[in-house]
Each structure stands twice: as structure tokens, then as C-alpha cells.
Protein backbone atom coordinates (compact mmCIF):
# COMPACT_ATOMS: atom_id res chain seq x y z
CA MET A 1 89.56 -12.28 24.72
CA LYS A 2 91.31 -9.78 22.97
CA LEU A 3 88.96 -7.06 24.59
CA LEU A 4 89.32 -8.61 27.61
CA LEU A 5 93.35 -8.83 27.82
CA VAL A 6 93.59 -5.23 26.74
CA LEU A 7 91.04 -4.21 29.67
CA GLY A 8 93.07 -6.46 32.07
CA VAL A 9 96.17 -4.32 31.03
CA VAL A 10 94.55 -1.15 31.42
CA VAL A 11 93.03 -2.17 35.00
CA ALA A 12 96.34 -2.88 36.04
CA TYR A 13 97.34 0.24 35.30
CA LEU A 14 94.87 1.89 36.78
CA GLY A 15 95.03 0.05 39.93
CA GLN A 16 98.45 0.74 40.56
CA LEU A 17 98.05 4.59 39.95
CA HIS A 18 94.99 4.16 42.46
CA ALA A 19 96.79 2.24 45.27
CA GLY A 20 99.93 4.75 45.12
CA PRO A 21 100.62 6.74 48.03
CA VAL A 22 98.72 10.17 49.09
CA VAL A 23 100.64 12.68 47.48
CA ALA A 24 101.17 16.35 48.76
CA ASP A 25 99.53 19.51 47.42
CA HIS A 26 102.40 20.13 45.58
CA SER A 27 101.96 17.10 43.19
CA LEU A 28 98.20 17.60 42.36
CA VAL A 29 99.19 19.04 39.21
CA ALA A 30 101.54 16.07 38.23
CA ILE A 31 98.66 14.09 39.11
CA SER A 32 96.42 15.86 37.19
CA SER A 33 98.31 15.44 34.09
CA THR A 34 98.75 11.79 34.84
CA ARG A 35 94.90 11.54 34.95
CA ASN A 36 94.47 13.37 31.88
CA GLU A 37 96.99 11.37 30.07
CA LEU A 38 95.25 8.08 31.62
CA PHE A 39 91.75 9.23 30.81
CA LYS A 40 93.23 9.65 27.17
CA GLU A 41 94.39 6.28 27.40
CA PHE A 42 91.16 5.22 28.56
CA ASP A 43 89.10 7.10 26.12
CA HIS A 44 91.24 4.93 23.62
CA LEU A 45 90.64 2.02 25.01
CA LEU A 46 86.48 2.53 25.21
CA ASN A 47 86.89 3.26 21.35
CA GLY A 48 88.45 0.08 20.56
CA ILE A 49 85.95 -1.62 22.27
CA ALA A 50 83.36 0.25 21.15
CA LYS A 51 84.64 -0.57 17.42
CA GLU A 52 84.15 -4.43 18.41
CA ALA A 53 80.30 -3.57 18.67
CA ILE A 54 80.21 -1.09 15.61
CA ASP A 55 81.73 -3.98 13.40
CA SER A 56 79.29 -6.34 14.42
CA LEU A 57 76.50 -3.99 13.82
CA SER A 58 77.69 -3.43 10.18
CA SER A 59 78.01 -6.97 9.65
CA LEU A 60 74.09 -7.64 10.90
CA GLN A 61 72.91 -4.85 8.47
CA GLN A 62 75.04 -6.10 5.50
CA ASN A 63 73.54 -9.49 5.98
CA THR A 64 70.29 -8.06 5.96
CA GLU A 65 70.62 -6.27 3.12
CA LYS A 66 71.76 -9.37 1.32
CA GLN A 67 69.05 -11.29 2.54
CA VAL A 68 66.52 -8.67 1.16
CA ALA A 69 68.39 -8.18 -2.03
CA SER A 70 67.80 -12.11 -2.30
CA VAL A 71 64.00 -11.79 -1.40
CA GLU A 72 63.20 -9.38 -3.98
CA THR A 73 65.40 -11.32 -6.71
CA ALA A 74 62.93 -14.34 -5.68
CA ILE A 75 59.86 -11.82 -5.89
CA GLN A 76 61.19 -10.89 -9.48
CA ASP A 77 61.39 -14.34 -10.19
CA LEU A 78 57.56 -15.23 -9.16
CA GLU A 79 56.74 -13.25 -12.59
CA THR A 80 58.82 -15.59 -14.64
CA LEU A 81 57.83 -18.22 -12.69
CA TYR A 82 54.12 -17.36 -13.12
CA ASN A 83 54.67 -16.92 -17.08
CA ASP A 84 56.36 -20.11 -16.95
CA LYS A 85 53.98 -22.11 -14.93
CA VAL A 86 50.50 -20.55 -15.22
CA LEU A 87 50.70 -19.73 -19.09
CA LYS A 88 53.01 -22.52 -20.55
CA GLU A 89 50.38 -24.71 -18.81
CA ILE A 90 47.55 -23.22 -20.44
CA SER A 91 49.31 -22.89 -23.77
CA LYS A 92 49.51 -27.23 -23.85
CA TYR A 93 45.50 -26.64 -24.56
CA ASP A 94 46.32 -24.23 -27.68
CA GLY A 95 45.34 -27.37 -29.95
CA VAL A 96 42.75 -28.38 -28.19
CA LEU A 97 41.15 -24.92 -28.47
CA GLN A 98 41.99 -24.62 -32.01
CA GLU A 99 40.00 -27.57 -32.40
CA LEU A 100 37.29 -26.36 -30.57
CA GLU A 101 37.33 -23.01 -32.62
CA THR A 102 36.91 -24.83 -35.77
CA LYS A 103 33.24 -26.13 -34.39
CA VAL A 104 30.79 -23.37 -34.93
CA SER A 105 29.17 -24.18 -31.50
CA PRO A 106 27.82 -22.07 -28.46
CA CYS A 107 29.49 -23.85 -26.54
CA PHE A 108 32.90 -22.38 -27.33
CA GLY A 109 31.41 -18.60 -27.04
CA ALA A 110 32.58 -18.49 -22.69
CA VAL A 111 36.02 -19.96 -23.19
CA PRO A 112 37.86 -16.95 -24.46
CA GLU A 113 36.36 -14.84 -21.53
CA ASP A 114 37.23 -17.76 -19.20
CA ILE A 115 40.73 -18.07 -20.17
CA LYS A 116 40.86 -14.17 -19.27
CA LYS A 117 39.41 -14.65 -15.79
CA ILE A 118 41.49 -17.60 -15.02
CA VAL A 119 44.79 -16.09 -16.08
CA HIS A 120 43.64 -12.54 -14.40
CA GLY A 121 42.87 -14.74 -11.09
CA ALA A 122 46.35 -16.70 -11.27
CA ARG A 123 48.02 -13.40 -11.74
CA GLY A 124 46.21 -11.78 -8.65
CA GLN A 125 47.16 -14.86 -6.55
CA ALA A 126 50.78 -14.57 -7.71
CA GLY A 127 50.53 -10.74 -6.63
CA VAL A 128 49.09 -11.63 -3.07
CA CYS A 129 52.06 -14.13 -2.53
CA ALA A 130 54.41 -11.26 -3.53
CA LYS A 131 52.35 -8.75 -1.17
CA ASN A 132 52.75 -10.76 1.97
CA THR A 133 56.49 -11.66 1.08
CA ILE A 134 57.32 -7.97 0.87
CA ALA A 135 55.39 -7.35 4.23
CA ARG A 136 57.45 -10.38 5.70
CA VAL A 137 60.69 -9.09 4.43
CA ARG A 138 59.91 -5.61 5.32
CA GLU A 139 58.84 -6.52 8.96
CA ILE A 140 62.64 -8.49 9.14
CA LYS A 141 64.28 -5.35 7.96
CA LYS A 142 62.44 -2.92 10.21
CA ASN A 143 63.33 -4.99 12.99
CA VAL A 144 66.99 -5.06 12.39
CA GLU A 145 67.10 -1.55 12.16
CA ALA A 146 65.40 -1.04 15.42
CA HIS A 147 68.10 -3.41 16.90
CA ILE A 148 70.88 -1.44 15.04
CA HIS A 149 69.59 1.99 16.31
CA PHE A 150 69.18 0.42 20.05
CA GLY A 151 72.72 -1.13 19.59
CA LEU A 152 74.24 2.40 18.38
CA GLY A 153 72.51 3.99 21.43
CA LYS A 154 74.38 1.76 23.74
CA VAL A 155 77.89 2.49 21.57
CA GLN A 156 77.63 6.06 22.43
CA ASP A 157 77.19 4.95 26.02
CA ILE A 158 80.65 3.34 25.87
CA VAL A 159 82.31 5.65 24.04
CA ALA A 160 80.83 8.50 26.64
CA ILE A 161 81.82 6.58 29.77
CA GLY A 162 85.34 8.41 30.38
CA ARG A 163 83.73 11.66 29.83
CA GLN A 164 80.93 11.05 32.12
CA CYS A 165 83.44 9.81 34.98
CA ILE A 166 85.13 13.03 34.70
CA VAL A 167 81.54 15.15 34.88
CA ASP A 168 80.08 12.59 37.56
CA ASN A 169 83.21 12.83 39.73
CA LYS A 170 85.25 15.78 41.36
CA GLY A 171 87.83 14.04 43.01
CA ILE A 172 90.41 12.65 41.23
CA LEU A 173 90.54 9.25 42.72
CA GLU A 174 86.64 9.03 42.53
CA GLN A 175 87.18 9.69 38.79
CA ILE A 176 89.67 6.95 38.74
CA ASN A 177 87.28 4.20 40.95
CA CYS A 178 84.54 5.02 38.13
CA ALA A 179 86.70 4.27 35.37
CA LEU A 180 88.05 0.97 36.94
CA GLU A 181 84.22 -0.03 37.45
CA SER A 182 82.93 1.22 34.11
CA ALA A 183 85.71 -0.19 31.97
CA PRO A 184 84.10 -3.78 32.72
CA LYS A 185 80.50 -2.70 31.69
CA ALA A 186 81.73 -1.52 28.63
CA VAL A 187 82.95 -4.59 27.53
CA SER A 188 79.63 -6.66 28.86
CA ILE A 189 77.87 -3.98 26.55
CA VAL A 190 79.91 -5.07 23.73
CA GLU A 191 79.46 -8.78 24.33
CA GLU A 192 75.72 -8.33 24.79
CA ILE A 193 75.73 -6.33 21.42
CA VAL A 194 77.96 -8.73 19.23
CA ARG A 195 75.92 -11.96 20.93
CA ASP A 196 72.46 -10.22 19.88
CA ALA A 197 73.55 -9.63 16.49
CA ALA A 198 74.63 -12.88 16.10
CA THR A 199 71.27 -14.19 17.33
CA LEU A 200 69.23 -12.03 15.14
CA ILE A 201 71.30 -12.85 11.98
CA ALA A 202 70.68 -16.45 12.61
CA GLU A 203 66.95 -15.65 12.82
CA SER A 204 66.62 -13.54 9.93
CA SER A 205 68.23 -16.24 7.89
CA GLN A 206 66.00 -18.86 8.93
CA GLU A 207 62.69 -16.36 8.26
CA VAL A 208 64.17 -15.52 4.65
CA ALA A 209 64.44 -19.18 4.03
CA ASP A 210 60.83 -19.89 5.57
CA ILE A 211 59.65 -16.79 3.52
CA SER A 212 61.30 -18.57 0.38
CA VAL A 213 59.47 -21.93 1.07
CA ASP A 214 56.18 -20.28 1.44
CA THR A 215 56.25 -18.13 -1.38
CA GLU A 216 57.02 -21.03 -3.59
CA GLN A 217 53.99 -23.04 -2.01
CA CYS A 218 51.93 -20.02 -2.59
CA LEU A 219 52.68 -19.50 -6.34
CA ALA A 220 52.00 -23.39 -6.65
CA VAL A 221 48.67 -23.09 -5.30
CA ALA A 222 48.20 -20.19 -7.67
CA VAL A 223 49.00 -22.62 -10.74
CA GLN A 224 47.21 -25.49 -9.31
CA ASP A 225 44.08 -23.12 -8.97
CA ALA A 226 44.63 -21.85 -12.40
CA VAL A 227 45.27 -25.05 -14.11
CA GLY A 228 41.89 -26.83 -12.34
CA ARG A 229 39.98 -23.91 -13.63
CA PHE A 230 40.79 -23.93 -17.12
CA ASN A 231 40.49 -28.20 -16.90
CA ASP A 232 36.91 -27.42 -15.62
CA ALA A 233 36.17 -24.90 -18.60
CA LEU A 234 37.39 -27.04 -20.60
CA LYS A 235 35.17 -30.23 -19.37
CA LYS A 236 32.29 -28.12 -19.61
CA VAL A 237 32.75 -27.30 -23.30
CA SER A 238 33.25 -31.11 -23.93
CA GLU A 239 30.35 -31.96 -22.07
CA CYS A 240 28.33 -29.06 -23.88
CA LEU A 241 29.69 -30.33 -27.51
CA GLY A 242 28.57 -33.60 -26.34
CA ASP A 243 25.06 -32.85 -25.40
CA GLU A 244 24.67 -30.83 -29.42
């Protein structure tokens, strides 16, 4: 709304100049000076409009950086979660293992190696969880960076409107007409950039939330698999001892 009000004032000013009477040749210097002043103010307006877009893109970038940082922290927590869930779960069986170790039996021979394999496998699954998470986060970041790059290109288009009107048109009135026609387009471009940035922030936030849930579920499966395999190994030992 602020942009539209400012633009309205400038358009009205330009319109008054455009609607003025045709001047004599000796007044062309004065008109040229007025034209230069007008385009100076017009460029100032365009820079203000462009700043709105840059601020929006900056907010998008900052939001994405925070989201990425939160996921990186979550990935670091995977190792802690892995140690808490897998290793601590298996450590609950230390008493049983110690009891088995007191029995001289070939049934227990494979257990240490089995445990190593289980722990290694669980760590590998947790690594896959982290790898998938990182890939998805990088895709979000890549998408946002591409969006920002495209938006900054549009910002440059906005800033260049005033100069382009002068380059593309020889007559003063044609240059002014160009400014009149281009100013609303500049506002429209900014509105699109701001709207798209807000949409992308919402989408990336939802995607990060989904990633968090998926990563937690992925790790939970790794934990369940490790505990299940350990119980199976322990069951085999118990069955073997029962057969002796």
C-alpha cells in the first residue's frame, strides 16, 4: 500500500508535466532540466521499490539459513540419539552377557562378533538417515538460492527502468510516457517477488518439519532393527545352551 501511494504521487506529478502545453523551442532546455530532475526522482522511487524486494529476499535467505542450521543441529543430535537409543538399549543386556560369559560354552562364541555387526549395522542405518536428511536440506537451499538469484535479477530490471526509458526513447514526452507505463510494472514485479518469497518461506518451513519427522522415524527403525537383531542373537544363545 505504501508503494502504491508513493507511486500515485509520482504518477500524478508526471501526468501534470505530460499534460502541460506544448512549449516553444527556447524552453526545451528548461524542459530537459525538468526531465532530468524528474527521472532523478523516478530513479529514487524505483530504488525504494527495489529495496522492498531486496528486504523480502533477505528475509527469505535468513529464514532458510535458520532452517538449515536447525536441521544440521538435528543431524548432530542423531549421533547422541543413536548412542542413547541403540547402545544404551543393548547395554541393558550386559548382565545377561556377563552371566553367559561365565559359562564355558561354544554357544557364546559368536555373540561378541554378532554385537559388533549389530552396532555397525545400526550406525550405518543412522548414517543413511543423516545422508538422506542432508540431501533434502541441500535441495531446499538450492531451490531458495535459485529463487533469490532470479529475484535479484528482477530487482536489477526495476532499478534499470528509468535509464532504459531514456535509452529506448529519443523524445522527452516519450521518455515520460515510458516512466508512466513502467512504474506500475515495477510495483507489480515487487509484489510478485514478495508474494513468492512468503510462499517459499512457508513451503520450506513445512519441508523442514517433514524432514524432522522423517529423520526421527528413520532413526527409530534403525533402533528397532538393532534391538531386534540383538534379541535374536541372545535367543539363539539361550536355545543353544538349552540344547547342551
